[in-house]
Amino acid sequence: MTVVAACQLGPRIGELDVNRDRAASAIAEAVGLGAEVVVLPELMSSGYAFTDTAEARASAEDVDGETLRQWAALARDHGIVLVGGFCEGAGDRVHNSAAVVDRTGVRAIYRKVHLWDRERLVFTPGDAAPPIVETQVGRLSTVVCYDLEFPEWVRIPALAGAQLLAAPVNWPANPGPDGERPAEVVRAQADAGVNRMPVVACDRVGDERGVGWVGGTVITDADGWVLAGGWSSDREQVVVAEVDLEAAADKRVGQMSDVHADRRAALYPTDGWPMPERHPR
């Protein structure tokens, strides 16, 4: 079993030093709870609700920037795998990105492919498949927020052998029926269940320029059942669960069915799908 933590925080837009301090404190709390994998929200480095690309660029950092240097140091010092969202500057472009970091340093950068609503007025979308990163705990992959709503995109890392999908998210608040889990959480459960691949989605809180959030941080098992979190909350918190990553290797459901082996791929329009980049240890 692997202890996975998701740090539901409230980053402040444009306040990079404050956000780094909040992340460091939450990571320390997660490690104190035994975490071996720690996930931070989408755009944890910078905040989210930018008015335009120019404003986002002022908060953007490259992969050698202070935020990722800090995350690499924390991963090394605590011996953890860390996945977090950051505002990435790449020349004239700004990306909504996620970094996978372990005790050896930055292992992979993923740029959000499916941009939500006004994000397309700020960020340049990525064009690479979710990476597969071999870490000390197992094979991890990452996507960002709205990417989770595209089943064909989530299936790419699942078919490539990912044992855990870590998703930094900023889920905007969306009213739903009383007593029901947020729809975003249900979709993350479905992503896990139809692929037999545990999913951790780390959401955020804190009003930002009039935008509210679901606060629905969730950790699922390989069947899609909620292990921790999964209900709306407006408070910062560290959500922790023990996750069986080895379960992702067993795609059987029932006595005679297998969610991957039973695919009739010849009937599916999969030509042209990108293959994940592998990051061996």
Protein backbone atom coordinates (compact mmCIF):
# COMPACT_ATOMS: atom_id res chain seq x y z
CA MET A 1 0.00 0.00 0.00
CA THR A 2 1.14 3.56 -0.79
CA VAL A 3 0.11 6.57 1.29
CA VAL A 4 -1.19 9.29 -1.03
CA ALA A 5 -2.02 12.84 0.08
CA ALA A 6 -3.77 15.69 -1.70
CA CYS A 7 -3.31 19.20 -0.29
CA GLN A 8 -6.46 21.24 -0.88
CA LEU A 9 -5.20 24.82 -0.62
CA GLY A 10 -6.16 28.36 -1.56
CA PRO A 11 -3.40 29.91 -3.65
CA ARG A 12 -3.43 33.67 -4.09
CA ILE A 13 -3.30 35.04 -7.59
CA GLY A 14 0.08 36.53 -8.44
CA GLU A 15 1.53 35.96 -4.94
CA LEU A 16 4.17 33.40 -5.72
CA ASP A 17 6.07 33.64 -2.43
CA VAL A 18 2.88 33.17 -0.41
CA ASN A 19 1.88 30.19 -2.53
CA ARG A 20 5.27 28.55 -2.15
CA ASP A 21 5.09 28.94 1.63
CA ARG A 22 1.58 27.45 1.73
CA ALA A 23 2.65 24.52 -0.39
CA ALA A 24 5.70 23.84 1.75
CA SER A 25 3.65 23.84 4.96
CA ALA A 26 1.01 21.53 3.48
CA ILE A 27 3.65 19.15 2.13
CA ALA A 28 5.24 18.96 5.59
CA GLU A 29 1.83 18.20 7.10
CA ALA A 30 1.22 15.48 4.51
CA VAL A 31 4.62 13.91 5.18
CA GLY A 32 3.83 13.96 8.89
CA LEU A 33 0.78 11.85 8.05
CA GLY A 34 2.97 9.33 6.27
CA ALA A 35 2.51 10.50 2.69
CA GLU A 36 4.74 9.01 0.02
CA VAL A 37 2.97 10.79 -2.85
CA VAL A 38 1.76 14.38 -2.44
CA VAL A 39 -0.43 16.22 -4.96
CA LEU A 40 -1.02 19.99 -5.09
CA PRO A 41 -3.79 21.91 -6.91
CA GLU A 42 -3.80 23.22 -10.47
CA LEU A 43 -1.80 26.47 -10.86
CA MET A 44 -0.69 26.25 -7.22
CA SER A 45 2.27 28.48 -7.99
CA SER A 46 0.29 31.42 -9.31
CA GLY A 47 -3.46 31.31 -8.79
CA TYR A 48 -5.94 30.85 -11.59
CA ALA A 49 -8.28 33.69 -12.61
CA PHE A 50 -5.97 35.70 -14.86
CA THR A 51 -7.50 38.35 -17.07
CA ASP A 52 -5.19 37.71 -20.02
CA THR A 53 -1.93 36.15 -21.16
CA ALA A 54 0.12 39.19 -20.20
CA GLU A 55 -1.00 38.95 -16.57
CA ALA A 56 -0.34 35.21 -16.49
CA ARG A 57 3.10 35.72 -18.02
CA ALA A 58 4.02 37.99 -15.09
CA SER A 59 3.48 35.00 -12.76
CA ALA A 60 4.94 32.36 -15.07
CA GLU A 61 8.13 30.43 -14.35
CA ASP A 62 10.16 28.05 -16.46
CA VAL A 63 11.15 24.58 -15.31
CA ASP A 64 14.26 26.03 -13.66
CA GLY A 65 12.23 28.61 -11.74
CA GLU A 66 12.03 29.04 -7.98
CA THR A 67 8.83 27.04 -7.53
CA LEU A 68 10.10 23.87 -9.14
CA ARG A 69 13.46 24.27 -7.42
CA GLN A 70 11.60 24.41 -4.11
CA TRP A 71 9.45 21.40 -4.97
CA ALA A 72 12.52 19.42 -5.99
CA ALA A 73 14.23 20.26 -2.70
CA LEU A 74 11.14 19.27 -0.71
CA ALA A 75 10.80 16.01 -2.63
CA ARG A 76 14.46 15.23 -2.00
CA ASP A 77 14.39 16.18 1.68
CA HIS A 78 11.20 14.23 2.40
CA GLY A 79 11.84 11.36 -0.01
CA ILE A 80 8.45 11.78 -1.68
CA VAL A 81 6.93 11.97 -5.13
CA LEU A 82 5.31 15.37 -5.67
CA VAL A 83 2.85 16.39 -8.38
CA GLY A 84 1.75 20.02 -8.60
CA GLY A 85 0.29 22.56 -10.98
CA PHE A 86 2.27 25.64 -12.01
CA CYS A 87 2.09 28.50 -14.49
CA GLU A 88 4.81 27.70 -17.02
CA GLY A 89 6.43 30.31 -19.19
CA ALA A 90 7.96 29.07 -22.45
CA GLY A 91 9.09 31.97 -24.60
CA ASP A 92 6.03 33.94 -25.64
CA ARG A 93 3.71 31.13 -24.56
CA VAL A 94 2.18 30.43 -21.17
CA HIS A 95 1.07 26.92 -20.27
CA ASN A 96 -1.14 25.54 -17.53
CA SER A 97 1.26 22.77 -16.52
CA ALA A 98 1.87 20.02 -13.99
CA ALA A 99 5.24 18.83 -12.77
CA VAL A 100 6.15 15.38 -11.50
CA VAL A 101 9.04 15.67 -9.06
CA ASP A 102 10.79 13.07 -6.93
CA ARG A 103 13.90 12.84 -4.81
CA THR A 104 16.04 12.89 -7.97
CA GLY A 105 14.54 16.13 -9.29
CA VAL A 106 11.98 17.14 -11.91
CA ARG A 107 10.96 14.00 -13.81
CA ALA A 108 8.29 15.22 -16.22
CA ILE A 109 6.33 18.29 -17.26
CA TYR A 110 2.81 17.93 -18.65
CA ARG A 111 1.03 20.84 -20.35
CA LYS A 112 -2.76 20.85 -20.08
CA VAL A 113 -4.22 19.82 -23.43
CA HIS A 114 -7.93 20.55 -22.91
CA LEU A 115 -8.36 24.18 -21.87
CA TRP A 116 -11.52 25.06 -19.96
CA ASP A 117 -13.64 28.05 -20.97
CA ARG A 118 -11.63 31.33 -20.70
CA GLU A 119 -8.36 29.47 -20.18
CA ARG A 120 -8.00 29.40 -23.96
CA LEU A 121 -7.73 33.22 -23.87
CA VAL A 122 -4.75 32.96 -21.50
CA PHE A 123 -2.85 29.72 -22.08
CA THR A 124 -1.43 27.78 -24.99
CA PRO A 125 -2.63 24.15 -24.92
CA GLY A 126 -0.15 21.31 -24.75
CA ASP A 127 0.14 18.72 -27.47
CA ALA A 128 1.78 15.75 -25.74
CA ALA A 129 0.19 12.72 -24.11
CA PRO A 130 0.23 12.26 -20.32
CA PRO A 131 3.70 11.03 -19.31
CA ILE A 132 4.43 7.72 -17.63
CA VAL A 133 6.98 8.25 -14.85
CA GLU A 134 8.69 5.36 -13.08
CA THR A 135 9.10 6.41 -9.44
CA GLN A 136 10.09 4.73 -6.21
CA VAL A 137 6.42 3.98 -5.48
CA GLY A 138 5.34 2.91 -8.96
CA ARG A 139 4.30 4.25 -12.36
CA LEU A 140 2.61 7.63 -12.11
CA SER A 141 0.95 9.79 -14.71
CA THR A 142 -0.66 13.21 -14.58
CA VAL A 143 -3.28 15.29 -16.34
CA VAL A 144 -4.81 18.64 -15.37
CA CYS A 145 -8.45 19.28 -14.40
CA TYR A 146 -10.63 19.42 -17.56
CA ASP A 147 -8.46 16.69 -19.12
CA LEU A 148 -10.26 14.25 -16.79
CA GLU A 149 -13.50 14.81 -18.71
CA PHE A 150 -12.14 13.18 -21.88
CA PRO A 151 -12.26 9.40 -21.39
CA GLU A 152 -10.04 8.74 -24.38
CA TRP A 153 -7.32 10.96 -22.88
CA VAL A 154 -7.40 9.26 -19.49
CA ARG A 155 -7.28 5.85 -21.16
CA ILE A 156 -3.92 6.67 -22.78
CA PRO A 157 -1.91 6.48 -19.51
CA ALA A 158 -4.07 3.59 -18.29
CA LEU A 159 -3.21 1.52 -21.37
CA ALA A 160 0.45 2.49 -20.95
CA GLY A 161 0.54 0.97 -17.47
CA ALA A 162 0.01 3.89 -15.11
CA GLN A 163 -0.66 2.72 -11.54
CA LEU A 164 -1.84 6.12 -10.30
CA LEU A 165 -3.22 9.14 -12.13
CA ALA A 166 -2.53 12.36 -10.22
CA ALA A 167 -4.57 15.35 -11.36
CA PRO A 168 -4.09 18.89 -10.07
CA VAL A 169 -7.50 20.54 -10.54
CA ASN A 170 -9.35 23.83 -10.02
CA TRP A 171 -13.01 22.81 -10.26
CA PRO A 172 -15.22 25.94 -10.47
CA ALA A 173 -18.24 25.72 -8.19
CA ASN A 174 -21.31 24.33 -9.91
CA PRO A 175 -24.52 23.81 -7.93
CA GLY A 176 -25.94 20.31 -7.80
CA PRO A 177 -28.63 18.33 -5.95
CA ASP A 178 -28.41 18.14 -2.17
CA GLY A 179 -26.82 14.99 -0.85
CA GLU A 180 -25.01 14.11 -4.08
CA ARG A 181 -21.28 14.06 -4.64
CA PRO A 182 -20.08 16.78 -7.01
CA ALA A 183 -20.29 15.72 -10.65
CA GLU A 184 -16.55 16.36 -11.02
CA VAL A 185 -15.86 13.79 -8.31
CA VAL A 186 -18.18 11.27 -9.95
CA ARG A 187 -16.33 11.69 -13.25
CA ALA A 188 -12.99 11.07 -11.49
CA GLN A 189 -14.48 7.92 -9.96
CA ALA A 190 -15.61 6.82 -13.41
CA ASP A 191 -12.14 7.46 -14.85
CA ALA A 192 -10.71 5.19 -12.18
CA GLY A 193 -13.33 2.46 -12.43
CA VAL A 194 -13.42 2.03 -16.21
CA ASN A 195 -9.62 1.74 -16.27
CA ARG A 196 -9.01 0.03 -12.92
CA MET A 197 -6.51 2.78 -12.14
CA PRO A 198 -6.52 4.78 -8.88
CA VAL A 199 -7.06 8.51 -9.30
CA VAL A 200 -6.20 11.40 -7.01
CA ALA A 201 -7.64 14.81 -7.90
CA CYS A 202 -6.43 17.71 -5.79
CA ASP A 203 -8.82 20.69 -5.84
CA ARG A 204 -8.51 24.20 -4.42
CA VAL A 205 -10.54 26.58 -2.25
CA GLY A 206 -10.71 30.34 -1.64
CA ASP A 207 -12.72 32.93 -3.57
CA GLU A 208 -10.62 34.36 -6.40
CA ARG A 209 -11.96 37.35 -8.31
CA GLY A 210 -15.49 36.14 -7.75
CA VAL A 211 -14.77 32.54 -8.73
CA GLY A 212 -15.69 29.87 -6.18
CA TRP A 213 -14.59 26.25 -6.19
CA VAL A 214 -16.01 22.79 -5.62
CA GLY A 215 -13.35 21.95 -3.03
CA GLY A 216 -13.91 18.31 -3.96
CA THR A 217 -10.46 16.81 -3.52
CA VAL A 218 -10.75 13.03 -3.82
CA ILE A 219 -8.65 9.86 -3.73
CA THR A 220 -10.10 6.71 -5.28
CA ASP A 221 -9.10 3.09 -5.47
CA ALA A 222 -8.76 1.12 -8.72
CA ASP A 223 -12.49 0.35 -8.76
CA GLY A 224 -13.42 4.02 -8.47
CA TRP A 225 -14.61 3.85 -4.86
CA VAL A 226 -13.76 6.90 -2.76
CA LEU A 227 -11.01 6.27 -0.23
CA ALA A 228 -10.86 9.83 1.10
CA GLY A 229 -12.45 13.21 0.37
CA GLY A 230 -14.98 13.45 -2.39
CA TRP A 231 -17.40 15.95 -0.83
CA SER A 232 -17.43 19.72 -1.31
CA SER A 233 -15.52 21.67 1.31
CA ASP A 234 -14.56 25.32 1.53
CA ARG A 235 -11.61 24.77 3.85
CA GLU A 236 -7.97 24.01 3.31
CA GLN A 237 -7.18 20.43 4.23
CA VAL A 238 -4.81 17.55 3.60
CA VAL A 239 -6.70 14.48 2.39
CA VAL A 240 -4.84 11.20 2.92
CA ALA A 241 -5.49 7.56 2.01
CA GLU A 242 -3.65 4.28 1.59
CA VAL A 243 -3.86 3.24 -2.06
CA ASP A 244 -3.10 -0.17 -3.54
CA LEU A 245 -1.15 0.75 -6.66
CA GLU A 246 -0.58 -2.91 -7.52
CA ALA A 247 -4.32 -3.28 -8.10
CA ALA A 248 -3.92 -1.28 -11.31
CA ALA A 249 -2.14 -4.25 -12.87
CA ASP A 250 -5.29 -6.38 -12.61
CA LYS A 251 -7.86 -5.26 -15.16
CA ARG A 252 -10.25 -8.13 -14.50
CA VAL A 253 -13.86 -7.43 -13.57
CA GLY A 254 -16.05 -10.39 -12.75
CA GLN A 255 -14.88 -13.90 -13.59
CA MET A 256 -14.49 -13.63 -17.34
CA SER A 257 -14.12 -9.94 -18.18
CA ASP A 258 -11.15 -7.59 -18.42
CA VAL A 259 -11.63 -3.85 -19.01
CA HIS A 260 -8.59 -3.67 -21.27
CA ALA A 261 -8.42 -7.12 -22.87
CA ASP A 262 -12.10 -6.92 -23.82
CA ARG A 263 -11.63 -3.74 -25.81
CA ARG A 264 -12.43 -4.19 -29.51
CA ALA A 265 -9.81 -1.71 -30.59
CA ALA A 266 -10.24 -2.41 -34.29
CA LEU A 267 -13.70 -0.85 -34.05
CA TYR A 268 -12.53 2.31 -32.26
CA PRO A 269 -11.21 5.38 -34.12
CA THR A 270 -7.86 5.46 -32.30
CA ASP A 271 -5.53 6.18 -35.22
CA GLY A 272 -3.27 9.09 -34.47
CA TRP A 273 -3.44 8.90 -30.67
CA PRO A 274 -0.15 10.05 -29.20
CA MET A 275 1.85 7.64 -27.08
CA PRO A 276 3.00 8.70 -23.61
CA GLU A 277 6.59 9.64 -23.07
CA ARG A 278 8.22 7.24 -20.65
CA HIS A 279 10.52 8.47 -17.91
CA PRO A 280 12.48 5.49 -16.56
CA ARG A 281 14.26 5.75 -13.26
